[in-house]
Amino acid sequence: MKTTVKRGLVLRNEKCNENYTTDFIFNLYSEEGKGIFDSRKNVLGHMQQGGSPTPFDRNFATKMGAK
């Protein structure tokens, strides 16, 4: 954090507050940070966590583990 690149992370629980939604917080930081910093949002859900591994996934994991 002592270099010119500074990063921050905001974590939010979906049930924490009905007014402070992910979109609201993203829009707030985007507006207030214009010219100072960039904002991105990433929502991890059940659909983004993957499913059952395929034979390709298992084979690839074995290859990567060996390296």
N, C-alpha and C. Protein backbone atom coordinates (compact mmCIF):
# COMPACT_ATOMS: atom_id res chain seq x y z
N MET A 1 0.81 -1.20 0.00
CA MET A 1 0.00 0.00 0.00
C MET A 1 0.85 1.26 0.00
N LYS A 2 2.18 1.13 0.17
CA LYS A 2 3.03 2.31 0.18
C LYS A 2 3.46 2.74 -1.22
N THR A 3 3.08 1.97 -2.23
CA THR A 3 3.42 2.34 -3.61
C THR A 3 2.33 3.23 -4.17
N THR A 4 2.44 3.56 -5.45
CA THR A 4 1.44 4.41 -6.07
C THR A 4 0.12 3.70 -6.33
N VAL A 5 0.15 2.36 -6.33
CA VAL A 5 -1.07 1.59 -6.54
C VAL A 5 -1.71 1.31 -5.19
N LYS A 6 -2.92 1.79 -5.02
CA LYS A 6 -3.65 1.54 -3.77
C LYS A 6 -4.96 0.86 -4.11
N ARG A 7 -5.31 -0.11 -3.32
CA ARG A 7 -6.53 -0.88 -3.59
C ARG A 7 -7.39 -0.93 -2.34
N GLY A 8 -8.67 -1.02 -2.57
CA GLY A 8 -9.61 -1.16 -1.47
C GLY A 8 -10.64 -2.21 -1.82
N LEU A 9 -11.26 -2.75 -0.82
CA LEU A 9 -12.26 -3.79 -1.01
C LEU A 9 -13.42 -3.51 -0.08
N VAL A 10 -14.63 -3.54 -0.62
CA VAL A 10 -15.83 -3.37 0.17
C VAL A 10 -16.61 -4.67 0.09
N LEU A 11 -16.85 -5.28 1.22
CA LEU A 11 -17.65 -6.50 1.28
C LEU A 11 -19.01 -6.18 1.85
N ARG A 12 -20.02 -6.80 1.31
CA ARG A 12 -21.39 -6.51 1.73
C ARG A 12 -22.20 -7.79 1.80
N ASN A 13 -22.99 -7.91 2.84
CA ASN A 13 -23.91 -9.03 2.99
C ASN A 13 -25.24 -8.63 2.38
N GLU A 14 -25.87 -9.53 1.66
CA GLU A 14 -27.12 -9.20 0.97
C GLU A 14 -28.26 -8.86 1.92
N LYS A 15 -28.15 -9.24 3.18
CA LYS A 15 -29.23 -8.98 4.13
C LYS A 15 -28.86 -7.90 5.15
N CYS A 16 -27.79 -7.15 4.92
CA CYS A 16 -27.33 -6.19 5.92
C CYS A 16 -28.25 -4.97 6.01
N ASN A 17 -28.69 -4.44 4.87
CA ASN A 17 -29.53 -3.25 4.89
C ASN A 17 -30.27 -3.18 3.57
N GLU A 18 -31.56 -2.90 3.63
CA GLU A 18 -32.34 -2.88 2.39
C GLU A 18 -32.08 -1.62 1.56
N ASN A 19 -31.53 -0.56 2.17
CA ASN A 19 -31.25 0.68 1.44
C ASN A 19 -29.86 0.69 0.82
N TYR A 20 -28.89 0.09 1.48
CA TYR A 20 -27.52 0.07 0.98
C TYR A 20 -27.30 -1.18 0.14
N THR A 21 -27.84 -1.16 -1.06
CA THR A 21 -27.71 -2.29 -1.97
C THR A 21 -26.34 -2.25 -2.64
N THR A 22 -26.00 -3.32 -3.31
CA THR A 22 -24.73 -3.38 -4.03
C THR A 22 -24.69 -2.31 -5.11
N ASP A 23 -25.80 -2.13 -5.82
CA ASP A 23 -25.84 -1.11 -6.87
C ASP A 23 -25.69 0.29 -6.30
N PHE A 24 -26.34 0.55 -5.17
CA PHE A 24 -26.23 1.87 -4.54
C PHE A 24 -24.79 2.16 -4.13
N ILE A 25 -24.14 1.21 -3.48
CA ILE A 25 -22.76 1.42 -3.03
C ILE A 25 -21.83 1.60 -4.22
N PHE A 26 -22.03 0.81 -5.27
CA PHE A 26 -21.22 0.95 -6.48
C PHE A 26 -21.41 2.33 -7.10
N ASN A 27 -22.65 2.77 -7.23
CA ASN A 27 -22.92 4.09 -7.82
C ASN A 27 -22.35 5.21 -6.95
N LEU A 28 -22.43 5.07 -5.65
CA LEU A 28 -21.89 6.07 -4.73
C LEU A 28 -20.37 6.20 -4.90
N TYR A 29 -19.66 5.09 -4.87
CA TYR A 29 -18.21 5.12 -5.02
C TYR A 29 -17.80 5.57 -6.42
N SER A 30 -18.56 5.20 -7.44
CA SER A 30 -18.26 5.63 -8.80
C SER A 30 -18.38 7.14 -8.94
N GLU A 31 -19.43 7.69 -8.37
CA GLU A 31 -19.66 9.13 -8.46
C GLU A 31 -18.64 9.92 -7.64
N GLU A 32 -18.40 9.50 -6.43
CA GLU A 32 -17.49 10.23 -5.55
C GLU A 32 -16.02 10.06 -5.94
N GLY A 33 -15.70 8.99 -6.67
CA GLY A 33 -14.31 8.73 -7.01
C GLY A 33 -13.90 9.16 -8.39
N LYS A 34 -14.75 9.92 -9.08
CA LYS A 34 -14.41 10.35 -10.44
C LYS A 34 -13.09 11.11 -10.44
N GLY A 35 -12.16 10.65 -11.26
CA GLY A 35 -10.86 11.28 -11.37
C GLY A 35 -9.88 10.89 -10.28
N ILE A 36 -10.35 10.17 -9.27
CA ILE A 36 -9.48 9.77 -8.16
C ILE A 36 -9.25 8.27 -8.18
N PHE A 37 -10.32 7.51 -8.31
CA PHE A 37 -10.21 6.06 -8.35
C PHE A 37 -11.34 5.47 -9.17
N ASP A 38 -11.17 4.23 -9.57
CA ASP A 38 -12.19 3.49 -10.33
C ASP A 38 -12.92 2.55 -9.40
N SER A 39 -14.13 2.21 -9.77
CA SER A 39 -14.93 1.26 -9.00
C SER A 39 -15.38 0.13 -9.90
N ARG A 40 -15.40 -1.06 -9.34
CA ARG A 40 -15.94 -2.23 -10.01
C ARG A 40 -16.78 -3.00 -9.02
N LYS A 41 -17.77 -3.72 -9.52
CA LYS A 41 -18.55 -4.57 -8.63
C LYS A 41 -18.52 -5.99 -9.16
N ASN A 42 -18.55 -6.92 -8.24
CA ASN A 42 -18.54 -8.33 -8.59
C ASN A 42 -19.42 -9.03 -7.57
N VAL A 43 -20.47 -9.66 -8.04
CA VAL A 43 -21.40 -10.36 -7.17
C VAL A 43 -21.23 -11.85 -7.40
N LEU A 44 -20.77 -12.55 -6.38
CA LEU A 44 -20.62 -13.99 -6.48
C LEU A 44 -21.91 -14.65 -6.03
N GLY A 45 -22.42 -15.51 -6.84
CA GLY A 45 -23.65 -16.22 -6.51
C GLY A 45 -23.48 -17.69 -6.76
N HIS A 46 -24.54 -18.41 -6.52
CA HIS A 46 -24.49 -19.86 -6.70
C HIS A 46 -24.19 -20.23 -8.15
N MET A 47 -24.66 -19.44 -9.10
CA MET A 47 -24.43 -19.75 -10.50
C MET A 47 -22.98 -19.52 -10.88
N GLN A 48 -22.27 -18.64 -10.19
CA GLN A 48 -20.90 -18.32 -10.54
C GLN A 48 -19.90 -19.18 -9.80
N GLN A 49 -20.34 -20.04 -8.93
CA GLN A 49 -19.43 -20.84 -8.13
C GLN A 49 -19.06 -22.15 -8.81
N GLY A 50 -19.64 -22.42 -9.95
CA GLY A 50 -19.30 -23.64 -10.68
C GLY A 50 -20.24 -24.78 -10.32
N GLY A 51 -20.11 -25.84 -11.05
CA GLY A 51 -20.94 -27.00 -10.82
C GLY A 51 -20.09 -28.22 -10.58
N SER A 52 -20.58 -29.36 -10.99
CA SER A 52 -19.83 -30.60 -10.85
C SER A 52 -18.66 -30.60 -11.84
N PRO A 53 -17.48 -31.03 -11.39
CA PRO A 53 -16.34 -31.04 -12.29
C PRO A 53 -16.50 -32.07 -13.41
N THR A 54 -16.09 -31.68 -14.60
CA THR A 54 -16.14 -32.58 -15.74
C THR A 54 -14.85 -33.39 -15.78
N PRO A 55 -14.78 -34.44 -16.59
CA PRO A 55 -13.52 -35.17 -16.75
C PRO A 55 -12.37 -34.25 -17.21
N PHE A 56 -12.69 -33.27 -18.07
CA PHE A 56 -11.66 -32.31 -18.49
C PHE A 56 -11.13 -31.53 -17.29
N ASP A 57 -12.02 -31.06 -16.42
CA ASP A 57 -11.61 -30.31 -15.23
C ASP A 57 -10.68 -31.14 -14.35
N ARG A 58 -11.02 -32.39 -14.14
CA ARG A 58 -10.20 -33.26 -13.28
C ARG A 58 -8.85 -33.54 -13.91
N ASN A 59 -8.84 -33.77 -15.22
CA ASN A 59 -7.58 -34.01 -15.92
C ASN A 59 -6.70 -32.76 -15.87
N PHE A 60 -7.28 -31.60 -16.10
CA PHE A 60 -6.54 -30.35 -16.07
C PHE A 60 -5.99 -30.07 -14.66
N ALA A 61 -6.78 -30.36 -13.64
CA ALA A 61 -6.33 -30.16 -12.26
C ALA A 61 -5.16 -31.07 -11.93
N THR A 62 -5.19 -32.30 -12.43
CA THR A 62 -4.09 -33.22 -12.22
C THR A 62 -2.81 -32.71 -12.89
N LYS A 63 -2.94 -32.21 -14.12
CA LYS A 63 -1.79 -31.67 -14.83
C LYS A 63 -1.22 -30.45 -14.11
N MET A 64 -2.08 -29.56 -13.67
CA MET A 64 -1.61 -28.36 -12.98
C MET A 64 -0.99 -28.68 -11.63
N GLY A 65 -1.55 -29.67 -10.95
CA GLY A 65 -1.00 -30.09 -9.67
C GLY A 65 0.39 -30.70 -9.81
N ALA A 66 0.60 -31.39 -10.92
CA ALA A 66 1.91 -32.00 -11.15
C ALA A 66 2.98 -30.97 -11.44
N LYS A 67 2.58 -29.84 -12.03
CA LYS A 67 3.55 -28.78 -12.35
C LYS A 67 3.91 -28.02 -11.10
